[in-house]
C-alpha atoms as a PDB file:
ATOM      1  CA  MET A   1       1.787  10.666  14.025  1.00  0.00           C
ATOM      2  CA  THR A   2       0.231   9.368  17.207  1.00  0.00           C
ATOM      3  CA  THR A   3      -2.251  12.029  18.287  1.00  0.00           C
ATOM      4  CA  ALA A   4      -4.044  10.313  21.156  1.00  0.00           C
ATOM      5  CA  PRO A   5      -3.566   7.376  23.481  1.00  0.00           C
ATOM      6  CA  ARG A   6      -4.854   4.119  22.110  1.00  0.00           C
ATOM      7  CA  THR A   7      -5.225   0.577  23.299  1.00  0.00           C
ATOM      8  CA  ILE A   8      -2.145  -1.623  23.019  1.00  0.00           C
ATOM      9  CA  ASP A   9      -3.389  -5.185  23.237  1.00  0.00           C
ATOM     10  CA  PRO A  10      -0.590  -7.593  24.266  1.00  0.00           C
ATOM     11  CA  GLU A  11      -2.166 -10.388  22.216  1.00  0.00           C
ATOM     12  CA  VAL A  12      -2.123  -8.191  19.111  1.00  0.00           C
ATOM     13  CA  THR A  13       1.452  -7.155  19.829  1.00  0.00           C
ATOM     14  CA  GLN A  14       2.450 -10.804  20.112  1.00  0.00           C
ATOM     15  CA  HIS A  15       0.718 -11.631  16.838  1.00  0.00           C
ATOM     16  CA  VAL A  16       2.485  -8.813  15.006  1.00  0.00           C
ATOM     17  CA  LEU A  17       5.856  -9.800  16.479  1.00  0.00           C
ATOM     18  CA  THR A  18       5.302 -13.443  15.514  1.00  0.00           C
ATOM     19  CA  ASP A  19       4.049 -12.718  12.010  1.00  0.00           C
ATOM     20  CA  ALA A  20       6.777 -10.188  11.229  1.00  0.00           C
ATOM     21  CA  THR A  21       9.383 -12.696  12.383  1.00  0.00           C
ATOM     22  CA  ALA A  22       7.789 -15.423  10.260  1.00  0.00           C
ATOM     23  CA  ALA A  23       7.889 -13.128   7.226  1.00  0.00           C
ATOM     24  CA  LEU A  24      11.564 -12.360   7.773  1.00  0.00           C
ATOM     25  CA  ASP A  25      12.379 -16.036   8.340  1.00  0.00           C
ATOM     26  CA  ALA A  26      10.646 -17.000   5.096  1.00  0.00           C
ATOM     27  CA  LEU A  27      12.408 -14.248   3.170  1.00  0.00           C
ATOM     28  CA  ILE A  28      15.840 -15.214   4.499  1.00  0.00           C
ATOM     29  CA  GLU A  29      15.392 -18.839   3.466  1.00  0.00           C
ATOM     30  CA  ALA A  30      14.013 -17.857   0.056  1.00  0.00           C
ATOM     31  CA  VAL A  31      16.902 -15.468  -0.643  1.00  0.00           C
ATOM     32  CA  ARG A  32      19.397 -18.083   0.539  1.00  0.00           C
ATOM     33  CA  ALA A  33      18.027 -20.478  -2.098  1.00  0.00           C
ATOM     34  CA  LEU A  34      18.401 -18.036  -5.016  1.00  0.00           C
ATOM     35  CA  PRO A  35      21.091 -18.656  -7.636  1.00  0.00           C
ATOM     36  CA  GLU A  36      24.149 -16.432  -7.765  1.00  0.00           C
ATOM     37  CA  GLY A  37      23.450 -13.142  -9.516  1.00  0.00           C
ATOM     38  CA  ALA A  38      19.702 -13.224  -8.807  1.00  0.00           C
ATOM     39  CA  GLU A  39      20.030  -9.947  -6.903  1.00  0.00           C
ATOM     40  CA  ARG A  40      20.363  -8.195 -10.280  1.00  0.00           C
ATOM     41  CA  ALA A  41      16.910  -9.298 -11.479  1.00  0.00           C
ATOM     42  CA  ALA A  42      14.270  -6.610 -11.920  1.00  0.00           C
ATOM     43  CA  SER A  43      11.626  -6.156  -9.232  1.00  0.00           C
ATOM     44  CA  PRO A  44       8.046  -4.901  -9.630  1.00  0.00           C
ATOM     45  CA  LEU A  45       9.137  -1.552  -8.144  1.00  0.00           C
ATOM     46  CA  PRO A  46      10.155   0.973 -10.837  1.00  0.00           C
ATOM     47  CA  GLY A  47      13.909   1.361 -11.082  1.00  0.00           C
ATOM     48  CA  TRP A  48      14.622  -1.199  -8.386  1.00  0.00           C
ATOM     49  CA  THR A  49      16.240  -4.591  -8.726  1.00  0.00           C
ATOM     50  CA  ARG A  50      15.706  -7.430  -6.289  1.00  0.00           C
ATOM     51  CA  GLY A  51      18.909  -6.232  -4.618  1.00  0.00           C
ATOM     52  CA  HIS A  52      17.366  -2.797  -4.047  1.00  0.00           C
ATOM     53  CA  VAL A  53      14.321  -4.377  -2.391  1.00  0.00           C
ATOM     54  CA  ILE A  54      16.334  -6.647  -0.105  1.00  0.00           C
ATOM     55  CA  GLY A  55      18.869  -3.947   0.719  1.00  0.00           C
ATOM     56  CA  HIS A  56      16.117  -1.466   1.537  1.00  0.00           C
ATOM     57  CA  LEU A  57      14.350  -3.953   3.779  1.00  0.00           C
ATOM     58  CA  ALA A  58      17.534  -4.715   5.707  1.00  0.00           C
ATOM     59  CA  GLY A  59      18.160  -0.998   6.146  1.00  0.00           C
ATOM     60  CA  ASN A  60      14.607  -0.458   7.300  1.00  0.00           C
ATOM     61  CA  GLY A  61      14.981  -3.285   9.782  1.00  0.00           C
ATOM     62  CA  ARG A  62      18.108  -1.656  11.168  1.00  0.00           C
ATOM     63  CA  ALA A  63      16.280   1.667  11.428  1.00  0.00           C
ATOM     64  CA  HIS A  64      13.504   0.148  13.533  1.00  0.00           C
ATOM     65  CA  ALA A  65      16.011  -1.688  15.711  1.00  0.00           C
ATOM     66  CA  ARG A  66      17.684   1.685  16.385  1.00  0.00           C
ATOM     67  CA  GLN A  67      14.367   3.188  17.445  1.00  0.00           C
ATOM     68  CA  ALA A  68      13.798   0.349  19.928  1.00  0.00           C
ATOM     69  CA  GLU A  69      17.362   0.303  21.234  1.00  0.00           C
ATOM     70  CA  TYR A  70      17.409   4.026  21.929  1.00  0.00           C
ATOM     71  CA  ALA A  71      13.903   3.927  23.436  1.00  0.00           C
ATOM     72  CA  THR A  72      15.165   1.350  25.931  1.00  0.00           C
ATOM     73  CA  ARG A  73      17.655   3.972  27.129  1.00  0.00           C
ATOM     74  CA  GLY A  74      15.016   6.691  27.254  1.00  0.00           C
ATOM     75  CA  GLU A  75      16.484   8.383  24.183  1.00  0.00           C
ATOM     76  CA  LYS A  76      15.363   9.224  20.654  1.00  0.00           C
ATOM     77  CA  VAL A  77      17.403   8.918  17.473  1.00  0.00           C
ATOM     78  CA  ASP A  78      16.976   9.792  13.808  1.00  0.00           C
ATOM     79  CA  TYR A  79      15.145   7.124  11.875  1.00  0.00           C
ATOM     80  CA  TYR A  80      17.989   6.795   9.358  1.00  0.00           C
ATOM     81  CA  ASP A  81      21.631   7.795   9.677  1.00  0.00           C
ATOM     82  CA  GLY A  82      22.007  10.804   7.409  1.00  0.00           C
ATOM     83  CA  GLY A  83      18.261  11.271   6.955  1.00  0.00           C
ATOM     84  CA  LEU A  84      16.569  10.555   3.615  1.00  0.00           C
ATOM     85  CA  ALA A  85      19.757  11.245   1.666  1.00  0.00           C
ATOM     86  CA  GLY A  86      21.593   8.693   3.763  1.00  0.00           C
ATOM     87  CA  ARG A  87      18.778   6.221   3.240  1.00  0.00           C
ATOM     88  CA  GLU A  88      18.867   6.579  -0.548  1.00  0.00           C
ATOM     89  CA  ALA A  89      22.656   6.254  -0.648  1.00  0.00           C
ATOM     90  CA  GLU A  90      22.525   3.130   1.513  1.00  0.00           C
ATOM     91  CA  ILE A  91      19.896   1.492  -0.699  1.00  0.00           C
ATOM     92  CA  GLU A  92      21.958   2.133  -3.835  1.00  0.00           C
ATOM     93  CA  ALA A  93      25.149   0.863  -2.220  1.00  0.00           C
ATOM     94  CA  ASP A  94      23.475  -2.253  -0.841  1.00  0.00           C
ATOM     95  CA  SER A  95      21.645  -3.076  -4.078  1.00  0.00           C
ATOM     96  CA  THR A  96      24.786  -4.545  -5.657  1.00  0.00           C
ATOM     97  CA  LEU A  97      25.810  -6.698  -2.708  1.00  0.00           C
ATOM     98  CA  PRO A  98      26.074 -10.454  -3.364  1.00  0.00           C
ATOM     99  CA  LEU A  99      23.254 -12.643  -2.109  1.00  0.00           C
ATOM    100  CA  ALA A 100      25.301 -14.100   0.739  1.00  0.00           C
ATOM    101  CA  THR A 101      25.853 -10.588   2.091  1.00  0.00           C
ATOM    102  CA  HIS A 102      22.138  -9.816   1.788  1.00  0.00           C
ATOM    103  CA  VAL A 103      21.328 -12.968   3.750  1.00  0.00           C
ATOM    104  CA  ALA A 104      23.824 -12.032   6.449  1.00  0.00           C
ATOM    105  CA  ALA A 105      22.324  -8.528   6.682  1.00  0.00           C
ATOM    106  CA  LEU A 106      18.802  -9.912   7.086  1.00  0.00           C
ATOM    107  CA  GLU A 107      20.002 -12.398   9.691  1.00  0.00           C
ATOM    108  CA  ALA A 108      21.647  -9.546  11.608  1.00  0.00           C
ATOM    109  CA  VAL A 109      18.336  -7.656  11.576  1.00  0.00           C
ATOM    110  CA  ARG A 110      16.570 -10.739  12.914  1.00  0.00           C
ATOM    111  CA  GLU A 111      19.058 -11.000  15.777  1.00  0.00           C
ATOM    112  CA  ARG A 112      18.761  -7.314  16.687  1.00  0.00           C
ATOM    113  CA  HIS A 113      14.975  -7.403  16.640  1.00  0.00           C
ATOM    114  CA  ALA A 114      14.893 -10.483  18.867  1.00  0.00           C
ATOM    115  CA  VAL A 115      16.689  -8.462  21.531  1.00  0.00           C
ATOM    116  CA  ALA A 116      15.402  -4.940  20.885  1.00  0.00           C
ATOM    117  CA  TRP A 117      11.619  -5.350  20.845  1.00  0.00           C
ATOM    118  CA  PRO A 118      10.016  -5.298  24.318  1.00  0.00           C
ATOM    119  CA  VAL A 119       7.852  -8.176  25.491  1.00  0.00           C
ATOM    120  CA  PRO A 120       4.119  -7.767  24.835  1.00  0.00           C
ATOM    121  CA  GLY A 121       2.478  -5.657  27.529  1.00  0.00           C
ATOM    122  CA  ALA A 122       5.675  -3.807  28.460  1.00  0.00           C
ATOM    123  CA  PRO A 123       5.300  -0.041  29.147  1.00  0.00           C
ATOM    124  CA  LEU A 124       8.180   0.577  26.728  1.00  0.00           C
ATOM    125  CA  TRP A 125       5.809   0.181  23.785  1.00  0.00           C
ATOM    126  CA  ARG A 126       4.528   3.685  24.599  1.00  0.00           C
ATOM    127  CA  ALA A 127       8.025   5.212  24.584  1.00  0.00           C
ATOM    128  CA  PRO A 128       8.304   8.208  22.221  1.00  0.00           C
ATOM    129  CA  VAL A 129      10.278   7.719  19.007  1.00  0.00           C
ATOM    130  CA  THR A 130      11.261   9.951  16.105  1.00  0.00           C
ATOM    131  CA  TYR A 131       9.443   7.721  13.600  1.00  0.00           C
ATOM    132  CA  ARG A 132       6.429   9.882  12.657  1.00  0.00           C
ATOM    133  CA  ASP A 133       6.737  11.490  16.120  1.00  0.00           C
ATOM    134  CA  GLY A 134       4.940   8.438  17.445  1.00  0.00           C
ATOM    135  CA  ILE A 135       5.526   5.658  19.935  1.00  0.00           C
ATOM    136  CA  LEU A 136       7.533   2.465  19.695  1.00  0.00           C
ATOM    137  CA  HIS A 137       4.407   0.418  18.979  1.00  0.00           C
ATOM    138  CA  ASP A 138       4.051   2.404  15.740  1.00  0.00           C
ATOM    139  CA  CYS A 139       7.509   1.170  14.717  1.00  0.00           C
ATOM    140  CA  LEU A 140       6.445  -2.435  15.185  1.00  0.00           C
ATOM    141  CA  PHE A 141       3.451  -2.000  12.879  1.00  0.00           C
ATOM    142  CA  ALA A 142       5.614  -0.130  10.359  1.00  0.00           C
ATOM    143  CA  TRP A 143       8.121  -2.985  10.322  1.00  0.00           C
ATOM    144  CA  TRP A 144       5.261  -5.449   9.886  1.00  0.00           C
ATOM    145  CA  ARG A 145       4.127  -3.513   6.815  1.00  0.00           C
ATOM    146  CA  GLU A 146       7.641  -3.294   5.400  1.00  0.00           C
ATOM    147  CA  VAL A 147       8.620  -6.932   5.817  1.00  0.00           C
ATOM    148  CA  ARG A 148       5.314  -8.400   4.653  1.00  0.00           C
ATOM    149  CA  ILE A 149       4.996  -6.146   1.581  1.00  0.00           C
ATOM    150  CA  HIS A 150       8.628  -6.254   0.468  1.00  0.00           C
ATOM    151  CA  ALA A 151       8.824 -10.019   0.952  1.00  0.00           C
ATOM    152  CA  VAL A 152       6.357 -10.146  -1.945  1.00  0.00           C
ATOM    153  CA  ASP A 153       8.196  -7.429  -3.914  1.00  0.00           C
ATOM    154  CA  ALA A 154      11.396  -9.501  -3.780  1.00  0.00           C
ATOM    155  CA  GLN A 155       9.704 -12.109  -6.013  1.00  0.00           C
ATOM    156  CA  VAL A 156      11.198 -15.093  -4.251  1.00  0.00           C
ATOM    157  CA  GLY A 157       8.065 -17.240  -4.168  1.00  0.00           C
ATOM    158  CA  ILE A 158       6.263 -15.379  -1.364  1.00  0.00           C
ATOM    159  CA  GLY A 159       2.865 -14.129  -2.484  1.00  0.00           C
ATOM    160  CA  PHE A 160      -0.076 -12.093  -1.279  1.00  0.00           C
ATOM    161  CA  ASP A 161      -1.543 -15.271   0.188  1.00  0.00           C
ATOM    162  CA  SER A 162       1.076 -14.902   2.937  1.00  0.00           C
ATOM    163  CA  TRP A 163      -0.843 -11.855   4.231  1.00  0.00           C
ATOM    164  CA  ASP A 164      -3.182 -13.010   6.990  1.00  0.00           C
ATOM    165  CA  ASP A 165      -6.524 -11.355   7.728  1.00  0.00           C
ATOM    166  CA  ALA A 166      -5.082  -9.315  10.595  1.00  0.00           C
ATOM    167  CA  PHE A 167      -2.432  -7.836   8.315  1.00  0.00           C
ATOM    168  CA  CYS A 168      -4.990  -7.118   5.609  1.00  0.00           C
ATOM    169  CA  GLY A 169      -7.273  -5.452   8.155  1.00  0.00           C
ATOM    170  CA  HIS A 170      -4.407  -3.264   9.316  1.00  0.00           C
ATOM    171  CA  LEU A 171      -3.489  -2.256   5.760  1.00  0.00           C
ATOM    172  CA  LEU A 172      -7.099  -1.357   4.961  1.00  0.00           C
ATOM    173  CA  THR A 173      -7.029   1.060   7.889  1.00  0.00           C
ATOM    174  CA  TRP A 174      -3.548   2.400   7.215  1.00  0.00           C
ATOM    175  CA  LEU A 175      -4.032   2.907   3.475  1.00  0.00           C
ATOM    176  CA  ALA A 176      -7.540   4.407   3.634  1.00  0.00           C
ATOM    177  CA  PRO A 177      -6.123   7.910   2.933  1.00  0.00           C
ATOM    178  CA  ARG A 178      -5.127   6.708  -0.540  1.00  0.00           C
ATOM    179  CA  LEU A 179      -8.807   6.688  -1.508  1.00  0.00           C
ATOM    180  CA  ALA A 180      -9.951   9.936  -3.096  1.00  0.00           C
ATOM    181  CA  HIS A 181     -13.137  11.625  -1.917  1.00  0.00           C
ATOM    182  CA  GLY A 182     -16.156   9.686  -3.131  1.00  0.00           C
ATOM    183  CA  VAL A 183     -14.285   6.395  -3.488  1.00  0.00           C
ATOM    184  CA  SER A 184     -14.914   3.460  -1.171  1.00  0.00           C
ATOM    185  CA  ILE A 185     -13.981  -0.199  -1.152  1.00  0.00           C
ATOM    186  CA  ALA A 186     -15.917  -3.379  -0.481  1.00  0.00           C
ATOM    187  CA  PRO A 187     -13.495  -6.298  -0.099  1.00  0.00           C
ATOM    188  CA  GLU A 188     -14.745  -9.822   0.422  1.00  0.00           C
ATOM    189  CA  PRO A 189     -14.327 -10.823   3.179  1.00  0.00           C
ATOM    190  CA  TRP A 190     -13.915  -7.687   5.264  1.00  0.00           C
ATOM    191  CA  PRO A 191     -11.528  -8.293   8.194  1.00  0.00           C
ATOM    192  CA  PRO A 192     -11.411  -6.049  11.257  1.00  0.00           C
ATOM    193  CA  ALA A 193      -8.223  -4.115  11.925  1.00  0.00           C
ATOM    194  CA  PRO A 194      -6.256  -5.505  14.879  1.00  0.00           C
ATOM    195  CA  ALA A 195      -7.108  -3.818  18.178  1.00  0.00           C
ATOM    196  CA  GLY A 196      -4.865  -0.807  18.639  1.00  0.00           C
ATOM    197  CA  SER A 197      -3.815  -0.808  14.990  1.00  0.00           C
ATOM    198  CA  PRO A 198      -2.420   2.648  14.196  1.00  0.00           C
ATOM    199  CA  SER A 199      -4.236   4.699  11.601  1.00  0.00           C
ATOM    200  CA  ALA A 200      -2.478   6.654   8.908  1.00  0.00           C
ATOM    201  CA  PRO A 201      -1.687  10.308   9.631  1.00  0.00           C
ATOM    202  CA  ALA A 202      -4.746  12.364  10.458  1.00  0.00           C
ATOM    203  CA  GLY A 203      -6.256  14.874   8.076  1.00  0.00           C
ATOM    204  CA  SER A 204      -7.765  12.620   5.443  1.00  0.00           C
ATOM    205  CA  PRO A 205     -11.568  12.655   5.059  1.00  0.00           C
ATOM    206  CA  GLN A 206     -11.722   9.459   3.034  1.00  0.00           C
ATOM    207  CA  ALA A 207     -13.831   6.609   4.325  1.00  0.00           C
ATOM    208  CA  VAL A 208     -13.045   3.005   3.557  1.00  0.00           C
ATOM    209  CA  ALA A 209     -16.488   1.491   3.822  1.00  0.00           C
ATOM    210  CA  GLY A 210     -19.162   2.393   1.349  1.00  0.00           C
ATOM    211  CA  SER A 211     -22.453   1.302  -0.137  1.00  0.00           C
ATOM    212  CA  PRO A 212     -22.981   0.541  -3.825  1.00  0.00           C
ATOM    213  CA  SER A 213     -24.885   3.817  -4.227  1.00  0.00           C
ATOM    214  CA  ALA A 214     -22.172   6.005  -2.697  1.00  0.00           C
ATOM    215  CA  GLY A 215     -19.845   7.261  -5.436  1.00  0.00           C
ATOM    216  CA  THR A 216     -17.303   4.850  -6.874  1.00  0.00           C
ATOM    217  CA  VAL A 217     -17.076   1.494  -5.124  1.00  0.00           C
ATOM    218  CA  VAL A 218     -14.128  -0.838  -5.680  1.00  0.00           C
ATOM    219  CA  THR A 219     -14.999  -4.490  -5.126  1.00  0.00           C
ATOM    220  CA  GLY A 220     -12.964  -7.665  -5.200  1.00  0.00           C
ATOM    221  CA  ARG A 221     -11.228 -10.299  -3.171  1.00  0.00           C
ATOM    222  CA  LEU A 222      -9.680  -9.056   0.052  1.00  0.00           C
ATOM    223  CA  ARG A 223      -6.023  -9.586  -0.833  1.00  0.00           C
ATOM    224  CA  ASP A 224      -6.507  -8.222  -4.343  1.00  0.00           C
ATOM    225  CA  ILE A 225      -7.950  -4.980  -2.984  1.00  0.00           C
ATOM    226  CA  VAL A 226      -5.280  -4.672  -0.302  1.00  0.00           C
ATOM    227  CA  ALA A 227      -2.521  -5.280  -2.866  1.00  0.00           C
ATOM    228  CA  TRP A 228      -4.040  -2.650  -5.159  1.00  0.00           C
ATOM    229  CA  LEU A 229      -4.267  -0.159  -2.287  1.00  0.00           C
ATOM    230  CA  ALA A 230      -0.603  -0.844  -1.557  1.00  0.00           C
ATOM    231  CA  GLY A 231       0.280   0.015  -5.153  1.00  0.00           C
ATOM    232  CA  ARG A 232       0.994  -3.564  -6.167  1.00  0.00           C
ATOM    233  CA  GLU A 233      -0.386  -5.583  -9.067  1.00  0.00           C
ATOM    234  CA  PRO A 234      -2.894  -8.045  -7.570  1.00  0.00           C
ATOM    235  CA  GLU A 235      -3.494 -11.553  -8.817  1.00  0.00           C
ATOM    236  CA  ARG A 236      -6.957 -10.474  -9.967  1.00  0.00           C
ATOM    237  CA  ARG A 237      -7.658  -6.789 -10.516  1.00  0.00           C
ATOM    238  CA  PRO A 238     -10.535  -5.339  -8.462  1.00  0.00           C
ATOM    239  CA  VAL A 239     -13.564  -3.922 -10.242  1.00  0.00           C
ATOM    240  CA  ALA A 240     -14.813  -0.344  -9.887  1.00  0.00           C
ATOM    241  CA  VAL A 241     -18.501   0.518 -10.225  1.00  0.00           C
ATOM    242  CA  ARG A 242     -20.263   3.881 -10.183  1.00  0.00           C
ATOM    243  CA  ASN A 243     -24.055   4.187 -10.355  1.00  0.00           C
ATOM    244  CA  GLY A 244     -24.227   0.521 -11.259  1.00  0.00           C
ATOM    245  CA  GLU A 245     -21.887   0.846 -14.244  1.00  0.00           C
ATOM    246  CA  PRO A 246     -18.278  -0.381 -14.537  1.00  0.00           C
ATOM    247  CA  VAL A 247     -15.675   2.396 -14.541  1.00  0.00           C
ATOM    248  CA  PRO A 248     -11.857   2.403 -14.586  1.00  0.00           C
ATOM    249  CA  LEU A 249     -10.144   1.868 -11.264  1.00  0.00           C
ATOM    250  CA  PRO A 250      -9.665   5.255  -9.600  1.00  0.00           C
ATOM    251  CA  GLU A 251      -6.242   6.815  -9.194  1.00  0.00           C
ATOM    252  CA  LEU A 252      -4.818   6.350  -5.727  1.00  0.00           C
ATOM    253  CA  LEU A 253      -3.559   9.256  -3.655  1.00  0.00           C
ATOM    254  CA  PRO A 254       0.012   9.227  -2.268  1.00  0.00           C
ATOM    255  CA  TRP A 255       1.149   6.665   0.280  1.00  0.00           C
ATOM    256  CA  PRO A 256       0.473   7.998   3.789  1.00  0.00           C
END
């Protein structure tokens, strides 16, 4: 939820728009190149096939387009048709679609987003939306998270190395509430969050930064730590240390 006004930097907005579009472009071309039937392959997400991942992402893209389209008219609309139940039913139905239909759905999302998102610096970015009772700019960052993370989940040759420092900095801020009290992280390098990057919902006391003497500290390469925070299996697992001694990686709290 957006609780206070924050800076919306047009340069940051442009970067997020450009990078989210690049992620979707790369995913579309990668899915187009898959052999017939590849949608039935398992994904890293429990109980989901590749078709579930792609179908969910297309549905999420449509949901964000709806938020922007209604905001343009000064209106608000439910995030998903039929709420969470409608969302789950849509994901299941779309999971069995053939690859050509998945590609067409992603291309349709790309076309809607190209029209629906305002230009950087437009006042419309502050328009209220139903997504987390926030503003339209929150939807853009949410879509950025969805398309960048699920492009990796689809296992089509897109890896964590596709996450630039700005995206990693945003995820470190957004996912900080997943760290339990007394747990901090020390990624190398440590990127700043983009100016105006939304934080996760308020109410979490967890801090991201920490010193080696402060409780449990999780260290590792930047993208490995960000992937772990996002609940994904990193290329190289981070290391947790407490009082100078190695300890198991701490359990993460729920996704914000």
